PDB file of N, CA and C in Angstrom:
ATOM      1  N   MET A   1      39.009 108.180 111.140  1.00  0.00           N
ATOM      2  CA  MET A   1      39.928 107.913 110.054  1.00  0.00           C
ATOM      3  C   MET A   1      39.192 107.165 108.933  1.00  0.00           C
ATOM      4  N   VAL A   2      39.577 107.448 107.725  1.00  0.00           N
ATOM      5  CA  VAL A   2      38.945 106.878 106.535  1.00  0.00           C
ATOM      6  C   VAL A   2      39.640 105.582 106.155  1.00  0.00           C
ATOM      7  N   GLU A   3      38.855 104.613 105.703  1.00  0.00           N
ATOM      8  CA  GLU A   3      39.412 103.355 105.192  1.00  0.00           C
ATOM      9  C   GLU A   3      39.654 103.489 103.691  1.00  0.00           C
ATOM     10  N   LEU A   4      40.865 103.138 103.258  1.00  0.00           N
ATOM     11  CA  LEU A   4      41.204 103.135 101.839  1.00  0.00           C
ATOM     12  C   LEU A   4      41.084 101.727 101.293  1.00  0.00           C
ATOM     13  N   ILE A   5      40.403 101.604 100.184  1.00  0.00           N
ATOM     14  CA  ILE A   5      40.302 100.314  99.503  1.00  0.00           C
ATOM     15  C   ILE A   5      40.879 100.488  98.105  1.00  0.00           C
ATOM     16  N   TRP A   6      41.928  99.735  97.825  1.00  0.00           N
ATOM     17  CA  TRP A   6      42.564  99.763  96.506  1.00  0.00           C
ATOM     18  C   TRP A   6      41.829  98.787  95.607  1.00  0.00           C
ATOM     19  N   SER A   7      41.289  99.265  94.509  1.00  0.00           N
ATOM     20  CA  SER A   7      40.592  98.384  93.567  1.00  0.00           C
ATOM     21  C   SER A   7      41.608  97.468  92.891  1.00  0.00           C
ATOM     22  N   PRO A   8      41.146  96.316  92.398  1.00  0.00           N
ATOM     23  CA  PRO A   8      42.044  95.435  91.645  1.00  0.00           C
ATOM     24  C   PRO A   8      42.684  96.159  90.450  1.00  0.00           C
ATOM     25  N   THR A   9      41.944  97.062  89.828  1.00  0.00           N
ATOM     26  CA  THR A   9      42.484  97.826  88.702  1.00  0.00           C
ATOM     27  C   THR A   9      43.636  98.718  89.145  1.00  0.00           C
ATOM     28  N   ALA A  10      43.475  99.417  90.266  1.00  0.00           N
ATOM     29  CA  ALA A  10      44.534 100.294  90.763  1.00  0.00           C
ATOM     30  C   ALA A  10      45.779  99.488  91.124  1.00  0.00           C
ATOM     31  N   VAL A  11      45.592  98.334  91.729  1.00  0.00           N
ATOM     32  CA  VAL A  11      46.723  97.473  92.075  1.00  0.00           C
ATOM     33  C   VAL A  11      47.426  97.003  90.802  1.00  0.00           C
ATOM     34  N   ALA A  12      46.653  96.606  89.802  1.00  0.00           N
ATOM     35  CA  ALA A  12      47.236  96.182  88.522  1.00  0.00           C
ATOM     36  C   ALA A  12      47.965  97.338  87.843  1.00  0.00           C
ATOM     37  N   ASP A  13      47.398  98.544  87.935  1.00  0.00           N
ATOM     38  CA  ASP A  13      48.061  99.723  87.361  1.00  0.00           C
ATOM     39  C   ASP A  13      49.445  99.901  87.978  1.00  0.00           C
ATOM     40  N   ILE A  14      49.506  99.824  89.296  1.00  0.00           N
ATOM     41  CA  ILE A  14      50.784 100.001  89.993  1.00  0.00           C
ATOM     42  C   ILE A  14      51.762  98.891  89.624  1.00  0.00           C
ATOM     43  N   GLU A  15      51.268  97.672  89.545  1.00  0.00           N
ATOM     44  CA  GLU A  15      52.135  96.559  89.150  1.00  0.00           C
ATOM     45  C   GLU A  15      52.692  96.775  87.744  1.00  0.00           C
ATOM     46  N   ASN A  16      51.854  97.235  86.829  1.00  0.00           N
ATOM     47  CA  ASN A  16      52.299  97.483  85.449  1.00  0.00           C
ATOM     48  C   ASN A  16      53.318  98.625  85.385  1.00  0.00           C
ATOM     49  N   ILE A  17      53.071  99.671  86.159  1.00  0.00           N
ATOM     50  CA  ILE A  17      54.002 100.794  86.205  1.00  0.00           C
ATOM     51  C   ILE A  17      55.350 100.325  86.760  1.00  0.00           C
ATOM     52  N   ALA A  18      55.299  99.560  87.846  1.00  0.00           N
ATOM     53  CA  ALA A  18      56.533  99.057  88.461  1.00  0.00           C
ATOM     54  C   ALA A  18      57.285  98.134  87.507  1.00  0.00           C
ATOM     55  N   GLU A  19      56.555  97.299  86.786  1.00  0.00           N
ATOM     56  CA  GLU A  19      57.195  96.401  85.828  1.00  0.00           C
ATOM     57  C   GLU A  19      57.895  97.210  84.731  1.00  0.00           C
ATOM     58  N   TYR A  20      57.228  98.230  84.243  1.00  0.00           N
ATOM     59  CA  TYR A  20      57.802  99.069  83.190  1.00  0.00           C
ATOM     60  C   TYR A  20      59.064  99.784  83.691  1.00  0.00           C
ATOM     61  N   ILE A  21      58.964 100.428  84.842  1.00  0.00           N
ATOM     62  CA  ILE A  21      60.114 101.144  85.404  1.00  0.00           C
ATOM     63  C   ILE A  21      61.223 100.159  85.764  1.00  0.00           C
ATOM     64  N   GLY A  22      60.836  98.996  86.247  1.00  0.00           N
ATOM     65  CA  GLY A  22      61.794  97.977  86.675  1.00  0.00           C
ATOM     66  C   GLY A  22      62.662  97.425  85.554  1.00  0.00           C
ATOM     67  N   ARG A  23      62.259  97.636  84.322  1.00  0.00           N
ATOM     68  CA  ARG A  23      63.104  97.205  83.197  1.00  0.00           C
ATOM     69  C   ARG A  23      64.448  97.924  83.227  1.00  0.00           C
ATOM     70  N   ASP A  24      64.427  99.157  83.741  1.00  0.00           N
ATOM     71  CA  ASP A  24      65.656  99.943  83.840  1.00  0.00           C
ATOM     72  C   ASP A  24      66.256  99.922  85.241  1.00  0.00           C
ATOM     73  N   SER A  25      65.385  99.933  86.256  1.00  0.00           N
ATOM     74  CA  SER A  25      65.891 100.015  87.623  1.00  0.00           C
ATOM     75  C   SER A  25      64.883  99.446  88.613  1.00  0.00           C
ATOM     76  N   PHE A  26      65.272  98.360  89.272  1.00  0.00           N
ATOM     77  CA  PHE A  26      64.410  97.765  90.292  1.00  0.00           C
ATOM     78  C   PHE A  26      64.202  98.759  91.435  1.00  0.00           C
ATOM     79  N   LYS A  27      65.264  99.466  91.815  1.00  0.00           N
ATOM     80  CA  LYS A  27      65.176 100.425  92.916  1.00  0.00           C
ATOM     81  C   LYS A  27      64.200 101.560  92.589  1.00  0.00           C
ATOM     82  N   ALA A  28      64.269 102.085  91.375  1.00  0.00           N
ATOM     83  CA  ALA A  28      63.351 103.159  90.968  1.00  0.00           C
ATOM     84  C   ALA A  28      61.906 102.660  90.969  1.00  0.00           C
ATOM     85  N   ALA A  29      61.689 101.429  90.527  1.00  0.00           N
ATOM     86  CA  ALA A  29      60.340 100.851  90.520  1.00  0.00           C
ATOM     87  C   ALA A  29      59.816 100.715  91.946  1.00  0.00           C
ATOM     88  N   SER A  30      60.648 100.213  92.818  1.00  0.00           N
ATOM     89  CA  SER A  30      60.262 100.063  94.222  1.00  0.00           C
ATOM     90  C   SER A  30      59.955 101.418  94.858  1.00  0.00           C
ATOM     91  N   ASN A  31      60.787 102.408  94.563  1.00  0.00           N
ATOM     92  CA  ASN A  31      60.554 103.757  95.091  1.00  0.00           C
ATOM     93  C   ASN A  31      59.237 104.342  94.582  1.00  0.00           C
ATOM     94  N   GLN A  32      58.906 104.099  93.312  1.00  0.00           N
ATOM     95  CA  GLN A  32      57.664 104.639  92.752  1.00  0.00           C
ATOM     96  C   GLN A  32      56.449 104.008  93.429  1.00  0.00           C
ATOM     97  N   VAL A  33      56.494 102.711  93.646  1.00  0.00           N
ATOM     98  CA  VAL A  33      55.387 102.032  94.338  1.00  0.00           C
ATOM     99  C   VAL A  33      55.222 102.611  95.735  1.00  0.00           C
ATOM    100  N   GLN A  34      56.323 102.775  96.448  1.00  0.00           N
ATOM    101  CA  GLN A  34      56.277 103.342  97.789  1.00  0.00           C
ATOM    102  C   GLN A  34      55.708 104.758  97.771  1.00  0.00           C
ATOM    103  N   THR A  35      56.063 105.531  96.773  1.00  0.00           N
ATOM    104  CA  THR A  35      55.553 106.900  96.639  1.00  0.00           C
ATOM    105  C   THR A  35      54.039 106.898  96.452  1.00  0.00           C
ATOM    106  N   PHE A  36      53.528 105.992  95.622  1.00  0.00           N
ATOM    107  CA  PHE A  36      52.070 105.894  95.436  1.00  0.00           C
ATOM    108  C   PHE A  36      51.377 105.598  96.766  1.00  0.00           C
ATOM    109  N   VAL A  37      51.896 104.629  97.495  1.00  0.00           N
ATOM    110  CA  VAL A  37      51.276 104.223  98.767  1.00  0.00           C
ATOM    111  C   VAL A  37      51.318 105.365  99.772  1.00  0.00           C
ATOM    112  N   GLU A  38      52.470 106.007  99.892  1.00  0.00           N
ATOM    113  CA  GLU A  38      52.603 107.122 100.844  1.00  0.00           C
ATOM    114  C   GLU A  38      51.708 108.294 100.461  1.00  0.00           C
ATOM    115  N   ARG A  39      51.632 108.588  99.180  1.00  0.00           N
ATOM    116  CA  ARG A  39      50.796 109.710  98.716  1.00  0.00           C
ATOM    117  C   ARG A  39      49.324 109.446  99.026  1.00  0.00           C
ATOM    118  N   ALA A  40      48.875 108.229  98.768  1.00  0.00           N
ATOM    119  CA  ALA A  40      47.473 107.884  99.012  1.00  0.00           C
ATOM    120  C   ALA A  40      47.144 107.856 100.506  1.00  0.00           C
ATOM    121  N   LYS A  41      48.121 107.576 101.324  1.00  0.00           N
ATOM    122  CA  LYS A  41      47.887 107.480 102.770  1.00  0.00           C
ATOM    123  C   LYS A  41      47.348 108.784 103.359  1.00  0.00           C
ATOM    124  N   ILE A  42      47.662 109.914 102.752  1.00  0.00           N
ATOM    125  CA  ILE A  42      47.164 111.205 103.239  1.00  0.00           C
ATOM    126  C   ILE A  42      45.630 111.249 103.218  1.00  0.00           C
ATOM    127  N   LEU A  43      45.030 110.447 102.336  1.00  0.00           N
ATOM    128  CA  LEU A  43      43.569 110.425 102.238  1.00  0.00           C
ATOM    129  C   LEU A  43      42.901 109.897 103.505  1.00  0.00           C
ATOM    130  N   GLU A  44      43.626 109.104 104.275  1.00  0.00           N
ATOM    131  CA  GLU A  44      43.063 108.584 105.527  1.00  0.00           C
ATOM    132  C   GLU A  44      42.693 109.717 106.478  1.00  0.00           C
ATOM    133  N   SER A  45      43.463 110.771 106.465  1.00  0.00           N
ATOM    134  CA  SER A  45      43.200 111.926 107.343  1.00  0.00           C
ATOM    135  C   SER A  45      42.496 113.075 106.628  1.00  0.00           C
ATOM    136  N   TYR A  46      42.754 113.202 105.314  1.00  0.00           N
ATOM    137  CA  TYR A  46      42.212 114.323 104.542  1.00  0.00           C
ATOM    138  C   TYR A  46      41.580 113.808 103.247  1.00  0.00           C
ATOM    139  N   PRO A  47      40.415 113.196 103.322  1.00  0.00           N
ATOM    140  CA  PRO A  47      39.826 112.547 102.149  1.00  0.00           C
ATOM    141  C   PRO A  47      39.453 113.486 101.002  1.00  0.00           C
ATOM    142  N   LEU A  48      39.265 114.739 101.279  1.00  0.00           N
ATOM    143  CA  LEU A  48      38.866 115.676 100.218  1.00  0.00           C
ATOM    144  C   LEU A  48      40.026 116.544  99.737  1.00  0.00           C
ATOM    145  N   ILE A  49      41.238 116.146 100.052  1.00  0.00           N
ATOM    146  CA  ILE A  49      42.404 116.947  99.675  1.00  0.00           C
ATOM    147  C   ILE A  49      42.631 116.969  98.164  1.00  0.00           C
ATOM    148  N   GLY A  50      42.223 115.928  97.479  1.00  0.00           N
ATOM    149  CA  GLY A  50      42.433 115.861  96.039  1.00  0.00           C
ATOM    150  C   GLY A  50      41.492 116.784  95.288  1.00  0.00           C
ATOM    151  N   SER A  51      41.916 117.166  94.098  1.00  0.00           N
ATOM    152  CA  SER A  51      41.057 118.004  93.257  1.00  0.00           C
ATOM    153  C   SER A  51      40.026 117.145  92.532  1.00  0.00           C
ATOM    154  N   ILE A  52      38.944 117.768  92.123  1.00  0.00           N
ATOM    155  CA  ILE A  52      37.917 117.061  91.354  1.00  0.00           C
ATOM    156  C   ILE A  52      38.496 116.706  89.990  1.00  0.00           C
ATOM    157  N   VAL A  53      38.210 115.503  89.513  1.00  0.00           N
ATOM    158  CA  VAL A  53      38.696 115.062  88.207  1.00  0.00           C
ATOM    159  C   VAL A  53      37.982 115.905  87.150  1.00  0.00           C
ATOM    160  N   PRO A  54      38.715 116.736  86.409  1.00  0.00           N
ATOM    161  CA  PRO A  54      38.065 117.689  85.504  1.00  0.00           C
ATOM    162  C   PRO A  54      37.205 117.043  84.423  1.00  0.00           C
ATOM    163  N   GLU A  55      37.621 115.890  83.928  1.00  0.00           N
ATOM    164  CA  GLU A  55      36.849 115.238  82.866  1.00  0.00           C
ATOM    165  C   GLU A  55      35.490 114.739  83.352  1.00  0.00           C
ATOM    166  N   LEU A  56      35.381 114.440  84.654  1.00  0.00           N
ATOM    167  CA  LEU A  56      34.152 113.856  85.192  1.00  0.00           C
ATOM    168  C   LEU A  56      33.200 114.892  85.781  1.00  0.00           C
ATOM    169  N   LYS A  57      33.746 115.998  86.258  1.00  0.00           N
ATOM    170  CA  LYS A  57      32.926 117.075  86.831  1.00  0.00           C
ATOM    171  C   LYS A  57      31.938 116.560  87.877  1.00  0.00           C
ATOM    172  N   ASN A  58      32.430 115.684  88.738  1.00  0.00           N
ATOM    173  CA  ASN A  58      31.619 115.094  89.789  1.00  0.00           C
ATOM    174  C   ASN A  58      32.481 115.096  91.054  1.00  0.00           C
ATOM    175  N   SER A  59      32.020 115.750  92.100  1.00  0.00           N
ATOM    176  CA  SER A  59      32.842 115.913  93.304  1.00  0.00           C
ATOM    177  C   SER A  59      33.107 114.604  94.050  1.00  0.00           C
ATOM    178  N   ASP A  60      32.428 113.523  93.685  1.00  0.00           N
ATOM    179  CA  ASP A  60      32.720 112.226  94.292  1.00  0.00           C
ATOM    180  C   ASP A  60      34.016 111.634  93.751  1.00  0.00           C
ATOM    181  N   TYR A  61      34.432 112.073  92.568  1.00  0.00           N
ATOM    182  CA  TYR A  61      35.652 111.575  91.936  1.00  0.00           C
ATOM    183  C   TYR A  61      36.742 112.623  92.074  1.00  0.00           C
ATOM    184  N   ARG A  62      37.832 112.231  92.720  1.00  0.00           N
ATOM    185  CA  ARG A  62      38.921 113.165  92.985  1.00  0.00           C
ATOM    186  C   ARG A  62      40.241 112.536  92.576  1.00  0.00           C
ATOM    187  N   GLN A  63      41.258 113.382  92.510  1.00  0.00           N
ATOM    188  CA  GLN A  63      42.571 112.890  92.122  1.00  0.00           C
ATOM    189  C   GLN A  63      43.663 113.537  92.958  1.00  0.00           C
ATOM    190  N   LEU A  64      44.677 112.741  93.229  1.00  0.00           N
ATOM    191  CA  LEU A  64      45.906 113.230  93.824  1.00  0.00           C
ATOM    192  C   LEU A  64      46.977 113.112  92.758  1.00  0.00           C
ATOM    193  N   LEU A  65      47.736 114.154  92.553  1.00  0.00           N
ATOM    194  CA  LEU A  65      48.834 114.077  91.608  1.00  0.00           C
ATOM    195  C   LEU A  65      50.046 113.505  92.320  1.00  0.00           C
ATOM    196  N   CYS A  66      50.731 112.629  91.603  1.00  0.00           N
ATOM    197  CA  CYS A  66      51.894 111.948  92.170  1.00  0.00           C
ATOM    198  C   CYS A  66      52.922 111.828  91.050  1.00  0.00           C
ATOM    199  N   GLY A  67      53.786 112.817  90.953  1.00  0.00           N
ATOM    200  CA  GLY A  67      54.730 112.839  89.837  1.00  0.00           C
ATOM    201  C   GLY A  67      53.975 112.983  88.535  1.00  0.00           C
ATOM    202  N   ARG A  68      54.182 112.056  87.631  1.00  0.00           N
ATOM    203  CA  ARG A  68      53.506 112.089  86.328  1.00  0.00           C
ATOM    204  C   ARG A  68      52.173 111.331  86.333  1.00  0.00           C
ATOM    205  N   TYR A  69      51.745 110.912  87.498  1.00  0.00           N
ATOM    206  CA  TYR A  69      50.552 110.073  87.601  1.00  0.00           C
ATOM    207  C   TYR A  69      49.438 110.757  88.374  1.00  0.00           C
ATOM    208  N   ARG A  70      48.233 110.286  88.121  1.00  0.00           N
ATOM    209  CA  ARG A  70      47.044 110.727  88.842  1.00  0.00           C
ATOM    210  C   ARG A  70      46.505 109.521  89.603  1.00  0.00           C
ATOM    211  N   ILE A  71      46.407 109.642  90.907  1.00  0.00           N
ATOM    212  CA  ILE A  71      45.754 108.608  91.712  1.00  0.00           C
ATOM    213  C   ILE A  71      44.297 109.037  91.795  1.00  0.00           C
ATOM    214  N   ILE A  72      43.434 108.318  91.098  1.00  0.00           N
ATOM    215  CA  ILE A  72      42.024 108.716  91.015  1.00  0.00           C
ATOM    216  C   ILE A  72      41.209 107.857  91.975  1.00  0.00           C
ATOM    217  N   TYR A  73      40.414 108.536  92.787  1.00  0.00           N
ATOM    218  CA  TYR A  73      39.643 107.831  93.812  1.00  0.00           C
ATOM    219  C   TYR A  73      38.214 108.355  93.874  1.00  0.00           C
ATOM    220  N   LYS A  74      37.373 107.543  94.507  1.00  0.00           N
ATOM    221  CA  LYS A  74      35.966 107.917  94.687  1.00  0.00           C
ATOM    222  C   LYS A  74      35.649 107.893  96.165  1.00  0.00           C
ATOM    223  N   THR A  75      35.037 108.971  96.632  1.00  0.00           N
ATOM    224  CA  THR A  75      34.602 109.010  98.025  1.00  0.00           C
ATOM    225  C   THR A  75      33.217 108.383  98.099  1.00  0.00           C
ATOM    226  N   GLU A  76      33.114 107.310  98.859  1.00  0.00           N
ATOM    227  CA  GLU A  76      31.833 106.618  99.023  1.00  0.00           C
ATOM    228  C   GLU A  76      31.067 107.152 100.225  1.00  0.00           C
ATOM    229  N   SER A  77      31.805 107.533 101.239  1.00  0.00           N
ATOM    230  CA  SER A  77      31.207 108.099 102.445  1.00  0.00           C
ATOM    231  C   SER A  77      32.319 108.828 103.189  1.00  0.00           C
ATOM    232  N   GLU A  78      31.990 109.335 104.355  1.00  0.00           N
ATOM    233  CA  GLU A  78      33.006 110.009 105.159  1.00  0.00           C
ATOM    234  C   GLU A  78      34.046 109.034 105.682  1.00  0.00           C
ATOM    235  N   LYS A  79      33.756 107.744 105.610  1.00  0.00           N
ATOM    236  CA  LYS A  79      34.643 106.724 106.175  1.00  0.00           C
ATOM    237  C   LYS A  79      35.220 105.758 105.158  1.00  0.00           C
ATOM    238  N   LEU A  80      34.903 105.934 103.857  1.00  0.00           N
ATOM    239  CA  LEU A  80      35.307 104.944 102.870  1.00  0.00           C
ATOM    240  C   LEU A  80      35.715 105.602 101.551  1.00  0.00           C
ATOM    241  N   ILE A  81      36.908 105.261 101.080  1.00  0.00           N
ATOM    242  CA  ILE A  81      37.417 105.748  99.805  1.00  0.00           C
ATOM    243  C   ILE A  81      37.902 104.568  98.983  1.00  0.00           C
ATOM    244  N   TYR A  82      37.486 104.563  97.713  1.00  0.00           N
ATOM    245  CA  TYR A  82      37.963 103.551  96.768  1.00  0.00           C
ATOM    246  C   TYR A  82      38.983 104.197  95.840  1.00  0.00           C
ATOM    247  N   ILE A  83      40.184 103.654  95.825  1.00  0.00           N
ATOM    248  CA  ILE A  83      41.174 104.107  94.853  1.00  0.00           C
ATOM    249  C   ILE A  83      40.922 103.295  93.596  1.00  0.00           C
ATOM    250  N   LEU A  84      40.526 103.988  92.535  1.00  0.00           N
ATOM    251  CA  LEU A  84      40.036 103.337  91.324  1.00  0.00           C
ATOM    252  C   LEU A  84      41.132 103.008  90.321  1.00  0.00           C
ATOM    253  N   THR A  85      42.075 103.937  90.140  1.00  0.00           N
ATOM    254  CA  THR A  85      43.094 103.737  89.119  1.00  0.00           C
ATOM    255  C   THR A  85      44.279 104.655  89.386  1.00  0.00           C
ATOM    256  N   VAL A  86      45.418 104.281  88.846  1.00  0.00           N
ATOM    257  CA  VAL A  86      46.597 105.136  88.826  1.00  0.00           C
ATOM    258  C   VAL A  86      46.886 105.352  87.348  1.00  0.00           C
ATOM    259  N   HIS A  87      46.737 106.590  86.916  1.00  0.00           N
ATOM    260  CA  HIS A  87      46.684 106.917  85.490  1.00  0.00           C
ATOM    261  C   HIS A  87      47.777 107.914  85.126  1.00  0.00           C
ATOM    262  N   HIS A  88      48.531 107.642  84.070  1.00  0.00           N
ATOM    263  CA  HIS A  88      49.579 108.563  83.629  1.00  0.00           C
ATOM    264  C   HIS A  88      48.929 109.835  83.089  1.00  0.00           C
ATOM    265  N   GLN A  89      49.456 110.979  83.491  1.00  0.00           N
ATOM    266  CA  GLN A  89      48.854 112.264  83.121  1.00  0.00           C
ATOM    267  C   GLN A  89      48.864 112.551  81.621  1.00  0.00           C
ATOM    268  N   SER A  90      49.788 111.951  80.898  1.00  0.00           N
ATOM    269  CA  SER A  90      49.866 112.228  79.462  1.00  0.00           C
ATOM    270  C   SER A  90      48.819 111.460  78.655  1.00  0.00           C
ATOM    271  N   ARG A  91      48.148 110.526  79.284  1.00  0.00           N
ATOM    272  CA  ARG A  91      47.154 109.721  78.575  1.00  0.00           C
ATOM    273  C   ARG A  91      45.749 110.273  78.803  1.00  0.00           C
ATOM    274  N   LEU A  92      44.905 110.086  77.817  1.00  0.00           N
ATOM    275  CA  LEU A  92      43.517 110.536  77.930  1.00  0.00           C
ATOM    276  C   LEU A  92      42.748 109.624  78.881  1.00  0.00           C
ATOM    277  N   LEU A  93      41.997 110.220  79.774  1.00  0.00           N
ATOM    278  CA  LEU A  93      41.237 109.445  80.746  1.00  0.00           C
ATOM    279  C   LEU A  93      40.133 108.640  80.070  1.00  0.00           C
ATOM    280  N   LYS A  94      39.615 109.131  78.945  1.00  0.00           N
ATOM    281  CA  LYS A  94      38.544 108.412  78.249  1.00  0.00           C
ATOM    282  C   LYS A  94      39.014 107.055  77.729  1.00  0.00           C
ATOM    283  N   ASN A  95      40.334 106.832  77.658  1.00  0.00           N
ATOM    284  CA  ASN A  95      40.871 105.546  77.230  1.00  0.00           C
ATOM    285  C   ASN A  95      41.133 104.594  78.392  1.00  0.00           C
ATOM    286  N   ASN A  96      40.949 105.066  79.612  1.00  0.00           N
ATOM    287  CA  ASN A  96      41.133 104.224  80.787  1.00  0.00           C
ATOM    288  C   ASN A  96      39.896 103.337  80.945  1.00  0.00           C
ATOM    289  N   PRO A  97      40.072 102.025  81.079  1.00  0.00           N
ATOM    290  CA  PRO A  97      38.916 101.118  81.182  1.00  0.00           C
ATOM    291  C   PRO A  97      37.944 101.462  82.314  1.00  0.00           C
ATOM    292  N   VAL A  98      38.439 102.063  83.380  1.00  0.00           N
ATOM    293  CA  VAL A  98      37.574 102.418  84.511  1.00  0.00           C
ATOM    294  C   VAL A  98      36.543 103.467  84.111  1.00  0.00           C
ATOM    295  N   PHE A  99      36.910 104.368  83.214  1.00  0.00           N
ATOM    296  CA  PHE A  99      36.042 105.495  82.873  1.00  0.00           C
ATOM    297  C   PHE A  99      35.576 105.501  81.421  1.00  0.00           C
ATOM    298  N   LYS A 100      35.960 104.519  80.654  1.00  0.00           N
ATOM    299  CA  LYS A 100      35.667 104.522  79.219  1.00  0.00           C
ATOM    300  C   LYS A 100      34.165 104.666  78.931  1.00  0.00           C
ATOM    301  N   LYS A 101      33.343 103.850  79.563  1.00  0.00           N
ATOM    302  CA  LYS A 101      31.886 103.917  79.334  1.00  0.00           C
ATOM    303  C   LYS A 101      31.310 105.240  79.824  1.00  0.00           C
ATOM    304  N   GLN A 102      31.722 105.638  80.999  1.00  0.00           N
ATOM    305  CA  GLN A 102      31.202 106.856  81.615  1.00  0.00           C
ATOM    306  C   GLN A 102      31.519 108.081  80.765  1.00  0.00           C
ATOM    307  N   LEU A 103      32.731 108.176  80.268  1.00  0.00           N
ATOM    308  CA  LEU A 103      33.120 109.345  79.470  1.00  0.00           C
ATOM    309  C   LEU A 103      32.588 109.290  78.062  1.00  0.00           C
ATOM    310  N   SER A 104      32.361 108.090  77.508  1.00  0.00           N
ATOM    311  CA  SER A 104      31.787 108.015  76.157  1.00  0.00           C
ATOM    312  C   SER A 104      30.312 108.400  76.207  1.00  0.00           C
ATOM    313  N   LYS A 105      29.619 108.127  77.302  1.00  0.00           N
ATOM    314  CA  LYS A 105      28.222 108.557  77.453  1.00  0.00           C
ATOM    315  C   LYS A 105      28.130 110.076  77.491  1.00  0.00           C
ATOM    316  N   LYS A 106      29.031 110.731  78.202  1.00  0.00           N
ATOM    317  CA  LYS A 106      29.035 112.188  78.282  1.00  0.00           C
ATOM    318  C   LYS A 106      29.294 112.808  76.914  1.00  0.00           C
ATOM    319  N   ARG A 107      30.182 112.191  76.166  1.00  0.00           N
ATOM    320  CA  ARG A 107      30.540 112.707  74.842  1.00  0.00           C
ATOM    321  C   ARG A 107      29.375 112.573  73.858  1.00  0.00           C
ATOM    322  N   ASN A 108      28.565 111.529  74.017  1.00  0.00           N
ATOM    323  CA  ASN A 108      27.450 111.278  73.092  1.00  0.00           C
ATOM    324  C   ASN A 108      26.215 112.121  73.401  1.00  0.00           C
ATOM    325  N   LYS A 109      26.205 112.791  74.535  1.00  0.00           N
ATOM    326  CA  LYS A 109      25.021 113.593  74.896  1.00  0.00           C
ATOM    327  C   LYS A 109      24.955 114.868  74.116  1.00  0.00           C
TER     328      LYS A 109
END
């Protein structure tokens, strides 16, 4: 079984999403957080189930779609996965702090 490690950024992303949704409904916010956790749990058994992040074109970076969000993770080994960020699909990934430098380097080449 694979160990999942949630980065501080991914945890903050979820907290921010829950806070935003919670302005209208605490129950909906709680359900969304639970959905993220349950969706990511599949990675423990199937670490390569996610698709490759198209902007990065690197098979180490994968994503699981979860409603309007992308749970983006990096496979470090057969036993270790880092969940890097939870990113809204309507936003450009190049604006996400986790990938800003990496994607700006690709654009400048």
